[in-house]
Protein backbone atom coordinates (compact mmCIF):
# COMPACT_ATOMS: atom_id res chain seq x y z
CA MET A 1 68.33 16.76 21.39
CA SER A 2 70.32 19.89 21.79
CA ASP A 3 71.30 18.93 25.30
CA PHE A 4 72.58 15.65 23.96
CA LEU A 5 74.79 17.22 21.21
CA LYS A 6 76.30 19.87 23.47
CA GLN A 7 78.16 17.14 25.38
CA PHE A 8 80.29 16.58 22.30
CA GLU A 9 81.33 20.22 21.81
CA GLU A 10 85.20 20.70 21.88
CA SER A 11 85.07 23.01 24.87
CA SER A 12 83.43 20.29 26.96
CA TYR A 13 86.23 17.54 26.41
CA LYS A 14 88.65 16.90 29.37
CA ALA A 15 91.20 14.96 27.66
CA GLU A 16 94.69 14.27 28.95
CA ARG A 17 97.20 16.74 27.47
CA GLU A 18 100.93 16.23 26.85
CA GLU A 19 103.23 19.10 27.20
CA VAL A 20 105.86 19.50 24.50
CA THR A 21 108.56 22.18 24.78
CA VAL A 22 109.88 23.44 21.54
CA ASP A 23 113.00 25.73 21.48
CA LYS A 24 112.84 27.98 18.39
CA SER A 25 116.34 29.03 17.55
CA VAL A 26 115.22 30.19 14.17
CA ASP A 27 114.92 33.85 13.80
CA THR A 28 111.39 35.01 13.53
CA ALA A 29 112.23 37.52 10.81
CA GLU A 30 113.70 34.77 8.74
CA VAL A 31 110.59 32.80 9.05
CA CYS A 32 108.68 35.79 8.03
CA ALA A 33 110.88 36.33 5.14
CA GLY A 34 110.50 32.71 4.14
CA LYS A 35 106.80 33.03 4.14
CA ALA A 36 107.00 36.04 2.04
CA GLU A 37 109.02 34.27 -0.64
CA THR A 38 106.34 31.43 -0.87
CA ALA A 39 103.56 33.92 -1.00
CA GLY A 40 104.49 35.16 -4.54
CA THR A 41 105.66 38.33 -6.12
CA SER A 42 102.62 40.20 -4.93
CA ASP A 43 104.34 40.85 -1.44
CA VAL A 44 107.78 41.75 -2.92
CA LYS A 45 108.81 44.77 -4.92
CA LYS A 46 110.29 44.46 -8.46
CA ASP A 47 113.83 45.54 -7.52
CA ASN A 48 113.85 43.01 -4.50
CA THR A 49 114.94 45.78 -2.19
CA PRO A 50 113.40 45.45 1.31
CA THR A 51 111.35 48.45 2.47
CA PRO A 52 112.72 50.30 5.45
CA ALA A 53 109.62 49.35 7.51
CA ARG A 54 110.20 45.66 6.98
CA SER A 55 113.81 46.05 8.10
CA LYS A 56 112.77 47.75 11.14
CA SER A 57 110.20 45.07 12.10
CA LYS A 58 112.76 42.42 11.57
CA GLN A 59 115.02 43.94 13.98
CA LYS A 60 112.38 44.14 16.64
CA ILE A 61 111.08 40.39 16.53
CA ALA A 62 112.58 38.34 19.37
CA THR A 63 113.04 34.59 19.97
CA THR A 64 110.12 33.03 21.84
CA SER A 65 109.21 29.67 23.28
CA HIS A 66 105.72 27.78 22.74
CA THR A 67 103.88 25.07 24.52
CA VAL A 68 101.82 22.84 22.01
CA VAL A 69 99.17 20.34 23.36
CA ARG A 70 98.08 17.51 20.99
CA ASP A 71 94.68 15.60 21.46
CA ASP A 72 95.20 12.14 20.01
CA LYS A 73 91.56 10.97 20.71
CA HIS A 74 89.84 14.01 19.07
CA HIS A 75 89.41 12.24 15.86
CA LYS A 76 87.77 9.20 17.33
CA ARG A 77 85.42 11.20 19.35
CA LYS A 78 84.43 13.24 16.25
CA ILE A 79 83.58 9.97 14.36
CA VAL A 80 81.54 8.76 17.42
CA ARG A 81 79.77 12.09 17.56
CA TYR A 82 78.75 12.08 13.87
CA ALA A 83 77.80 8.41 14.13
CA THR A 84 75.53 9.18 17.10
CA ILE A 85 73.86 12.15 15.29
CA ALA A 86 73.30 9.89 12.16
CA GLY A 87 71.91 7.10 14.31
CA SER A 88 69.46 9.47 16.08
CA VAL A 89 68.23 10.91 12.91
CA LEU A 90 67.75 7.41 11.53
CA ALA A 91 65.83 6.31 14.76
CA LEU A 92 63.72 9.47 14.44
CA CYS A 93 62.91 8.71 10.77
CA LEU A 94 62.12 5.06 11.61
CA LEU A 95 59.94 6.08 14.41
CA ALA A 96 58.07 8.70 12.40
CA PHE A 97 57.58 6.12 9.54
CA GLY A 98 56.43 3.50 12.05
CA ILE A 99 53.88 5.98 13.51
CA PHE A 100 52.68 6.92 10.02
CA TYR A 101 52.50 3.27 8.91
CA LEU A 102 50.52 2.27 12.12
CA SER A 103 48.24 5.24 12.05
CA ASN A 104 47.43 4.56 8.33
CA ARG A 105 46.38 0.96 8.89
CA VAL A 106 42.93 -0.33 9.81
CA VAL A 107 41.96 -3.60 11.56
CA VAL A 108 39.24 -5.36 9.54
CA LYS A 109 36.13 -6.29 11.54
CA ASP A 110 33.80 -9.17 11.13
CA PHE A 111 30.92 -7.85 9.15
CA VAL A 112 29.24 -11.22 8.22
CA GLY A 113 25.73 -11.47 9.59
CA ASN A 114 25.62 -7.80 10.22
CA PRO A 115 23.68 -5.06 8.17
CA VAL A 116 25.69 -3.59 5.27
CA THR A 117 24.95 -0.16 6.69
CA GLU A 118 27.18 -0.96 9.61
CA ALA A 119 30.04 -1.70 7.21
CA ARG A 120 29.46 1.43 5.21
CA THR A 121 29.60 3.55 8.50
CA TRP A 122 32.76 1.85 9.45
CA GLY A 123 34.26 2.52 5.96
CA LEU A 124 33.31 6.17 6.26
CA SER A 125 35.01 6.49 9.56
CA ASN A 126 38.27 4.77 8.37
CA ARG A 127 38.56 6.01 4.90
CA ILE A 128 37.73 2.53 3.31
CA THR A 129 35.77 2.08 0.26
CA ILE A 130 33.10 -0.50 0.59
CA GLU A 131 31.99 -2.40 -2.54
CA ALA A 132 28.80 -4.40 -2.07
CA ALA A 133 27.70 -7.04 -4.52
CA GLU A 134 24.08 -8.37 -3.98
CA GLU A 135 22.67 -11.84 -4.41
CA PHE A 136 19.58 -13.77 -3.38
CA ASN A 137 20.14 -15.86 -0.23
CA LEU A 138 17.77 -17.94 2.14
CA GLU A 139 20.12 -17.90 5.07
CA TYR A 140 20.54 -14.10 5.44
CA ASP A 141 17.94 -11.40 5.47
CA ASP A 142 17.80 -8.62 3.05
CA GLY A 143 20.62 -6.23 3.59
CA MET A 144 22.73 -8.65 5.65
CA VAL A 145 26.47 -9.25 4.79
CA ILE A 146 27.06 -12.75 3.53
CA SER A 147 30.86 -12.71 3.04
CA GLN A 148 33.80 -10.27 2.86
CA ASP A 149 37.09 -10.63 0.90
CA LYS A 150 39.43 -9.72 3.74
CA GLU A 151 40.11 -11.81 6.75
CA ILE A 152 38.87 -10.80 10.23
CA ASP A 153 41.55 -8.77 12.24
CA SER A 154 43.75 -8.37 9.23
CA SER A 155 45.36 -5.07 8.55
CA LEU A 156 44.01 -2.85 5.77
CA GLN A 157 45.56 0.30 4.28
CA LYS A 158 43.48 3.43 4.58
CA GLY A 159 42.06 4.23 1.03
CA SER A 160 41.83 0.54 0.18
CA VAL A 161 38.61 -1.34 -0.90
CA LEU A 162 36.78 -3.94 1.16
CA ARG A 163 34.36 -6.05 -0.97
CA LEU A 164 31.26 -7.51 0.57
CA THR A 165 28.60 -9.89 -0.73
CA VAL A 166 25.20 -8.73 0.58
CA SER A 167 21.90 -10.71 0.73
CA LYS A 168 18.91 -9.55 -1.27
CA GLY A 169 16.82 -11.94 0.80
CA PRO A 170 14.95 -14.95 -0.79
CA ASP A 171 14.20 -14.89 -4.54
CA PRO A 172 10.55 -13.77 -4.78
CA ASP A 173 10.17 -15.45 -8.20
CA GLU A 174 11.26 -18.83 -7.04
CA ARG A 175 8.61 -21.47 -7.52
CA ILE A 176 7.72 -23.09 -4.26
CA GLU A 177 6.56 -26.75 -4.09
CA LEU A 178 3.80 -26.80 -1.48
CA PRO A 179 3.93 -29.63 0.96
CA ASP A 180 0.82 -31.79 1.97
CA PHE A 181 -0.54 -29.49 4.69
CA SER A 182 -3.21 -32.12 5.67
CA THR A 183 -0.45 -34.13 7.42
CA MET A 184 1.04 -31.18 9.18
CA THR A 185 0.26 -29.45 12.45
CA THR A 186 -0.03 -25.66 12.96
CA SER A 187 3.52 -25.52 14.32
CA GLU A 188 4.93 -27.49 11.55
CA VAL A 189 3.32 -25.19 8.95
CA ARG A 190 4.69 -22.08 10.72
CA THR A 191 8.26 -23.68 10.71
CA TRP A 192 7.91 -24.54 6.99
CA ARG A 193 6.88 -20.91 6.21
CA SER A 194 9.92 -19.70 8.21
CA ASP A 195 12.40 -22.02 6.56
CA ILE A 196 11.50 -21.25 3.06
CA LYS A 197 10.93 -17.57 3.73
CA ALA A 198 7.47 -17.73 2.31
CA LEU A 199 6.53 -14.34 3.92
CA ASN A 200 3.48 -13.95 1.83
CA ALA A 201 1.99 -17.09 3.14
CA ASN A 202 -0.05 -16.39 6.26
CA VAL A 203 -1.24 -19.06 8.63
CA ASN A 204 -4.75 -18.19 9.92
CA GLU A 205 -6.33 -20.08 12.79
CA GLU A 206 -10.08 -20.35 13.17
CA TYR A 207 -12.60 -22.46 15.25
CA SER A 208 -14.06 -25.54 13.51
CA ASP A 209 -16.79 -27.88 14.68
CA THR A 210 -15.60 -30.70 12.06
CA VAL A 211 -11.76 -30.26 12.03
CA ASP A 212 -9.57 -31.16 14.99
CA LYS A 213 -7.47 -28.69 16.71
CA ASN A 214 -4.00 -27.91 14.95
CA HIS A 215 -5.18 -29.67 11.76
CA PHE A 216 -5.52 -28.27 8.27
CA ILE A 217 -8.71 -26.84 6.98
CA ARG A 218 -8.18 -25.26 3.55
CA LEU A 219 -5.88 -23.15 1.30
CA GLU A 220 -6.84 -19.88 -0.44
CA PHE A 221 -4.68 -18.31 -3.12
CA THR A 222 -4.93 -14.54 -3.43
CA GLY A 223 -4.82 -14.53 -7.26
CA SER A 224 -7.32 -16.28 -9.51
CA ASP A 225 -4.47 -17.49 -11.81
CA ILE A 226 -2.46 -19.11 -9.03
CA ASP A 227 -2.58 -22.63 -7.98
CA GLU A 228 -0.32 -25.31 -6.44
CA THR A 229 1.54 -25.81 -9.70
CA ASN A 230 2.73 -22.25 -10.23
CA TYR A 231 2.95 -20.87 -6.69
CA THR A 232 6.06 -18.64 -6.12
CA ARG A 233 7.38 -16.95 -3.07
CA ALA A 234 5.93 -13.50 -4.15
CA ASP A 235 2.30 -14.95 -4.51
CA GLY A 236 -0.10 -14.56 -1.54
CA LEU A 237 -1.33 -17.58 0.19
CA LEU A 238 -3.82 -18.19 3.21
CA ILE A 239 -3.39 -21.40 5.07
CA TYR A 240 -6.28 -21.97 7.40
CA MET A 241 -5.71 -24.18 10.47
CA SER A 242 -8.15 -25.37 12.98
CA LYS A 243 -8.43 -24.11 16.61
CA GLY A 244 -10.93 -26.79 17.40
CA LYS A 245 -14.54 -26.31 18.74
CA GLU A 246 -15.08 -22.98 20.34
CA VAL A 247 -16.09 -23.35 24.03
CA LEU A 248 -17.89 -20.28 25.15
CA GLN A 249 -18.75 -19.40 28.65
CA ALA A 250 -22.38 -18.53 29.62
CA ASN A 251 -21.38 -15.22 31.20
CA ILE A 252 -23.65 -12.73 29.49
CA THR A 253 -26.69 -11.83 31.58
CA VAL A 254 -29.99 -11.21 29.51
CA PRO A 255 -31.79 -7.95 30.36
CA ASN A 256 -35.53 -7.41 30.41
CA PHE A 257 -36.28 -6.02 27.04
CA ILE A 258 -40.27 -6.17 27.24
CA GLU A 259 -41.69 -2.92 26.02
CA LYS A 260 -38.03 -1.58 25.18
CA SER A 261 -37.34 -0.43 21.71
CA LYS A 262 -36.01 -2.66 18.96
CA GLN A 263 -32.93 -0.51 18.53
CA GLU A 264 -31.85 -1.01 22.16
CA VAL A 265 -31.92 -4.81 21.75
CA GLU A 266 -29.97 -4.64 18.41
CA ASP A 267 -27.17 -2.52 20.13
CA TRP A 268 -26.98 -4.91 23.03
CA ALA A 269 -26.77 -7.97 20.76
CA LYS A 270 -24.03 -6.38 18.67
CA GLU A 271 -22.05 -5.50 21.69
CA GLN A 272 -22.21 -8.98 23.29
CA GLY A 273 -21.81 -10.89 20.10
CA ILE A 274 -25.37 -12.40 20.30
CA GLU A 275 -27.17 -13.74 17.18
CA LEU A 276 -30.37 -11.71 17.14
CA THR A 277 -33.55 -12.82 15.36
CA VAL A 278 -36.50 -10.49 14.97
CA VAL A 279 -40.17 -11.58 14.59
CA GLU A 280 -42.84 -8.87 13.97
CA LEU A 281 -46.37 -9.18 15.19
CA ALA A 282 -49.43 -6.75 15.43
CA SER A 283 -50.38 -5.64 18.90
CA ASP A 284 -53.21 -3.45 20.39
CA GLU A 285 -51.19 -3.18 23.72
CA ILE A 286 -47.59 -2.46 22.83
CA THR A 287 -46.40 0.53 20.92
CA GLU A 288 -45.20 -0.12 17.47
CA GLY A 289 -41.52 -0.75 17.31
CA ASN A 290 -41.23 -2.07 20.91
CA ILE A 291 -40.62 -5.59 22.19
CA ILE A 292 -43.64 -7.87 22.87
CA ALA A 293 -41.68 -10.94 24.01
CA GLN A 294 -38.17 -12.39 24.09
CA SER A 295 -37.02 -16.09 23.88
CA ILE A 296 -34.72 -16.00 26.89
CA GLU A 297 -36.01 -14.83 30.28
CA ALA A 298 -34.42 -11.78 31.77
CA GLY A 299 -31.75 -12.64 34.20
CA SER A 300 -30.66 -15.92 32.42
CA ARG A 301 -27.01 -16.27 31.41
CA ILE A 302 -25.99 -17.01 27.83
CA ALA A 303 -22.76 -17.38 25.97
CA LYS A 304 -21.38 -15.43 23.06
CA ASP A 305 -22.99 -16.36 19.66
CA SER A 306 -26.19 -17.68 21.31
CA ASP A 307 -29.41 -17.25 19.48
CA PHE A 308 -31.74 -14.73 20.88
CA VAL A 309 -35.35 -14.20 19.45
CA ILE A 310 -37.36 -11.01 20.07
CA THR A 311 -41.02 -10.28 18.87
CA VAL A 312 -41.43 -6.67 17.79
CA SER A 313 -45.01 -4.89 17.89
CA LEU A 314 -46.31 -3.65 14.51
CA GLY A 315 -49.03 -1.61 16.17
CA LYS A 316 -52.75 -2.10 16.31
CA PHE A 317 -54.64 -4.80 14.33
CA VAL A 318 -56.81 -3.78 11.38
CA THR A 319 -59.08 -6.50 9.95
CA VAL A 320 -59.12 -6.87 6.09
CA PRO A 321 -62.65 -6.53 4.67
CA ASN A 322 -64.19 -8.43 1.84
CA PHE A 323 -63.81 -5.86 -1.02
CA ASN A 324 -66.45 -7.54 -3.16
CA ASN A 325 -68.85 -5.92 -0.85
CA LEU A 326 -67.31 -2.55 -1.37
CA SER A 327 -67.25 -0.19 -4.31
CA VAL A 328 -64.09 1.35 -5.46
CA GLU A 329 -64.95 4.53 -3.78
CA GLU A 330 -65.58 2.76 -0.43
CA ALA A 331 -62.44 0.66 -0.61
CA GLY A 332 -60.31 3.86 -0.83
CA ALA A 333 -62.02 5.42 2.23
CA ILE A 334 -61.07 2.64 4.78
CA GLN A 335 -59.57 4.22 7.92
CA GLY A 336 -56.26 2.78 9.21
CA LEU A 337 -55.48 0.56 6.22
CA SER A 338 -53.52 1.48 2.99
CA VAL A 339 -55.37 0.03 -0.03
CA ASP A 340 -53.74 0.01 -3.38
CA ILE A 341 -56.59 -0.02 -5.90
CA ARG A 342 -56.00 -1.18 -9.45
CA ARG A 343 -58.33 -1.94 -12.42
CA ARG A 344 -58.09 -4.51 -15.02
CA PHE A 345 -60.14 -5.83 -18.08
CA SER A 346 -61.64 -9.23 -17.59
CA THR A 347 -63.74 -11.56 -19.68
CA THR A 348 -64.88 -13.58 -16.77
CA VAL A 349 -65.52 -11.03 -13.98
CA ALA A 350 -68.28 -8.53 -14.31
CA PHE A 351 -67.49 -4.68 -14.30
CA GLY A 352 -67.00 -3.51 -10.74
CA ARG A 353 -66.45 -6.83 -9.08
CA VAL A 354 -63.19 -7.73 -7.42
CA ILE A 355 -60.68 -9.84 -9.44
CA SER A 356 -58.30 -10.23 -6.50
CA GLN A 357 -57.12 -8.81 -3.11
CA SER A 358 -53.59 -9.46 -1.71
CA GLU A 359 -54.94 -10.30 1.87
CA SER A 360 -57.86 -12.51 2.49
CA ALA A 361 -60.85 -11.09 4.06
CA GLY A 362 -60.72 -11.27 7.84
CA THR A 363 -56.95 -11.19 8.23
CA GLU A 364 -55.69 -8.99 10.98
CA LEU A 365 -52.92 -6.70 9.92
CA ALA A 366 -50.91 -3.87 11.34
CA ALA A 367 -52.26 -1.02 9.05
CA ASP A 368 -49.16 1.18 9.35
CA SER A 369 -46.86 -1.52 8.04
CA ILE A 370 -48.86 -3.62 5.53
CA GLN A 371 -50.67 -2.67 2.38
CA VAL A 372 -53.60 -4.47 0.63
CA ARG A 373 -53.76 -4.50 -3.04
CA VAL A 374 -57.22 -4.93 -4.58
CA VAL A 375 -57.95 -5.31 -8.29
CA TYR A 376 -61.38 -4.39 -9.79
CA SER A 377 -62.73 -5.61 -12.97
CA LEU A 378 -63.43 -3.26 -15.95
CA GLY A 379 -65.36 -6.04 -17.79
CA ARG A 380 -64.60 -6.75 -21.43
CA PRO A 381 -62.73 -4.11 -23.48
CA TYR A 382 -65.03 -2.17 -25.81
CA LEU A 383 -63.98 -0.53 -29.07
CA ASP A 384 -65.57 2.64 -30.20
CA ASN A 385 -66.12 3.81 -33.69
CA LEU A 386 -63.16 5.97 -34.41
CA VAL A 387 -64.06 6.69 -38.05
CA GLY A 388 -63.57 10.42 -38.73
CA GLU A 389 -61.23 10.81 -35.77
CA SER A 390 -57.55 11.97 -36.19
CA GLU A 391 -54.72 9.46 -36.33
CA ASN A 392 -52.93 11.02 -33.52
CA LYS A 393 -55.39 9.81 -30.97
CA LEU A 394 -54.76 6.18 -31.57
CA ALA A 395 -51.71 5.80 -29.43
CA GLU A 396 -53.51 7.09 -26.15
CA TYR A 397 -56.63 5.28 -27.03
CA PHE A 398 -54.99 1.83 -27.32
CA TYR A 399 -52.57 2.41 -24.51
CA ASN A 400 -55.62 2.45 -22.08
CA PHE A 401 -56.27 -1.14 -23.22
CA THR A 402 -52.69 -2.49 -22.77
CA SER A 403 -52.07 -0.64 -19.43
CA GLN A 404 -55.26 -2.27 -17.96
CA GLY A 405 -54.53 -5.78 -18.95
CA ALA A 406 -55.97 -6.07 -22.48
CA ASP A 407 -53.45 -6.93 -25.23
CA ILE A 408 -55.24 -4.96 -28.07
CA LYS A 409 -52.93 -4.30 -31.02
CA TYR A 410 -53.63 -2.05 -34.09
CA ARG A 411 -52.23 -1.78 -37.50
CA ILE A 412 -52.43 1.44 -39.67
CA ASN A 413 -52.89 1.17 -43.37
CA TYR A 414 -52.67 4.51 -45.39
CA ILE A 415 -55.02 4.62 -48.50
CA ASP A 416 -55.80 7.15 -51.16
CA SER A 417 -58.68 9.35 -50.07
CA SER A 418 -60.06 12.65 -50.62
CA GLU A 419 -60.54 12.92 -46.73
CA PRO A 420 -58.07 15.23 -45.00
CA ARG A 421 -54.75 13.71 -44.51
CA GLY A 422 -54.56 11.64 -41.22
CA THR A 423 -58.35 11.18 -40.95
CA ILE A 424 -59.44 7.52 -40.01
CA VAL A 425 -61.73 6.41 -42.87
CA LYS A 426 -62.24 2.83 -42.06
CA MET A 427 -61.78 0.17 -39.19
CA SER A 428 -61.88 -3.65 -39.42
CA LYS A 429 -63.75 -3.71 -36.05
CA TYR A 430 -65.57 -1.11 -34.13
CA ALA A 431 -68.53 -0.49 -31.81
CA GLN A 432 -68.16 -3.95 -30.28
CA PHE A 433 -66.65 -5.80 -27.44
CA LEU A 434 -63.26 -7.50 -27.81
CA GLY A 435 -61.31 -10.31 -26.35
CA LEU A 436 -58.25 -9.73 -24.05
CA LYS A 437 -55.98 -10.35 -27.05
CA ASP A 438 -57.17 -8.88 -30.40
CA SER A 439 -55.88 -7.03 -33.37
CA ILE A 440 -57.51 -4.13 -35.39
CA ARG A 441 -56.74 -2.80 -38.82
CA ILE A 442 -57.39 1.01 -39.34
CA ASP A 443 -57.39 2.84 -42.80
CA VAL A 444 -56.06 6.31 -42.60
CA SER A 445 -56.41 8.87 -45.45
CA LYS A 446 -53.44 10.03 -47.47
CA GLY A 447 -55.36 13.11 -48.48
CA ASN A 448 -54.24 12.79 -52.03
CA ARG A 449 -57.66 12.85 -54.00
CA ALA A 450 -59.63 15.83 -54.93
CA VAL A 451 -62.97 16.32 -53.28
CA PRO A 452 -65.70 15.25 -55.75
CA VAL A 453 -68.04 17.92 -57.05
CA PRO A 454 -71.67 17.05 -56.41
CA PRO A 455 -73.74 16.75 -59.77
CA ALA A 456 -75.83 19.90 -60.90
CA GLU A 457 -79.59 19.55 -60.42
CA GLU A 458 -81.67 19.27 -63.65
CA SER A 459 -83.89 22.34 -64.20
CA THR A 460 -87.49 21.75 -65.21
CA PRO A 461 -89.05 24.03 -67.84
CA ASP A 462 -91.63 26.53 -66.74
CA VAL A 463 -95.11 25.50 -67.79
CA GLN A 464 -97.29 28.29 -68.57
CA SER A 465 -100.88 27.87 -67.69
CA PRO A 466 -103.08 28.15 -70.54
């Protein structure tokens, strides 16, 4: 800019000059004197007498000739120069304003269908305030921009506000009318779920021997209070569709499990998905817990979910005896067989005879895994004479009846008596056999009467012998 202005300096002009010759015939001293008069009284003494010095100088000034050059275009050039400067300043101001204006404007992007986080990031980068209003919407997912209040590619001043409408996703509380799934295929059900945004409705496929492939099987609601009349988008729903019959390949080779452990077969069946059935049988040859036989021969091929039956050894046989021929002591001493001996009162089976046994005589059992229960008869219940005994013995005494099958009940009646308190003084029955159901009344002393004093013996007078 400085170089541009220098060309307008007066020293750089090369204008045409006119020479004018002026012949000054006027005395210089007179001119000076005229100037002094116009200057005022400050340059002249009060007595108007010129000083000697001034008179001397007036005498020394000589007549001279001057050449005056006039530039007629200087005024125009000066106007042009100022106009150029003003124009340059104005152009600079306009340029600066244009740069400021353009640098302070932002081009609005298209945020519709994009995450609102993208718009917020753009707003922070460009000093634009993002105001988001949320509303439920089926078309756009949660957090996606639905609309914006400024047109795409329009200019927006920094510091301005861009208002967006953002989706909250589908309304979870909206009631959904369920279609007739029995008329729909699996793909149609999945399309329905996607269209209405029923994200809590899951489509499960399972094999079925009765329903054709891609057809509806059943519905299951996750809440007990939910049904087709009040189902909403937030409720859980399981829709089961058929995959048809499962066709399994017979590609599993059956090993030889004879004399192998039961646990080994169970592990193999679980790993291969085989339905295992276990049958137990006593054996004198195969160790207890090992396999005696298998339903499918070793080396055969079977499919997943096939049935496989194995027979497991229970150990050696033990023959159940006839316990009527054995006493209680002999029954408890049988080797290799666990015998549970119990005793019961009976009005039909004599004392010491067998009322029942859980396994019939002659049955072959594995002694380590099966127990035999034998019940021996105690005969009819017999009630002793308890008169004179203490009341506190009654509970234990009658418990022996009830614990062994006899329903013998007793009732205590407290009476006035001189016997010690709590002493049994009378029984409605005693010293006799009872039935399996009976009731006894027992009188017990209150101990509230004095012990009677025995009468004094009458004395006989001494008879003197004559």
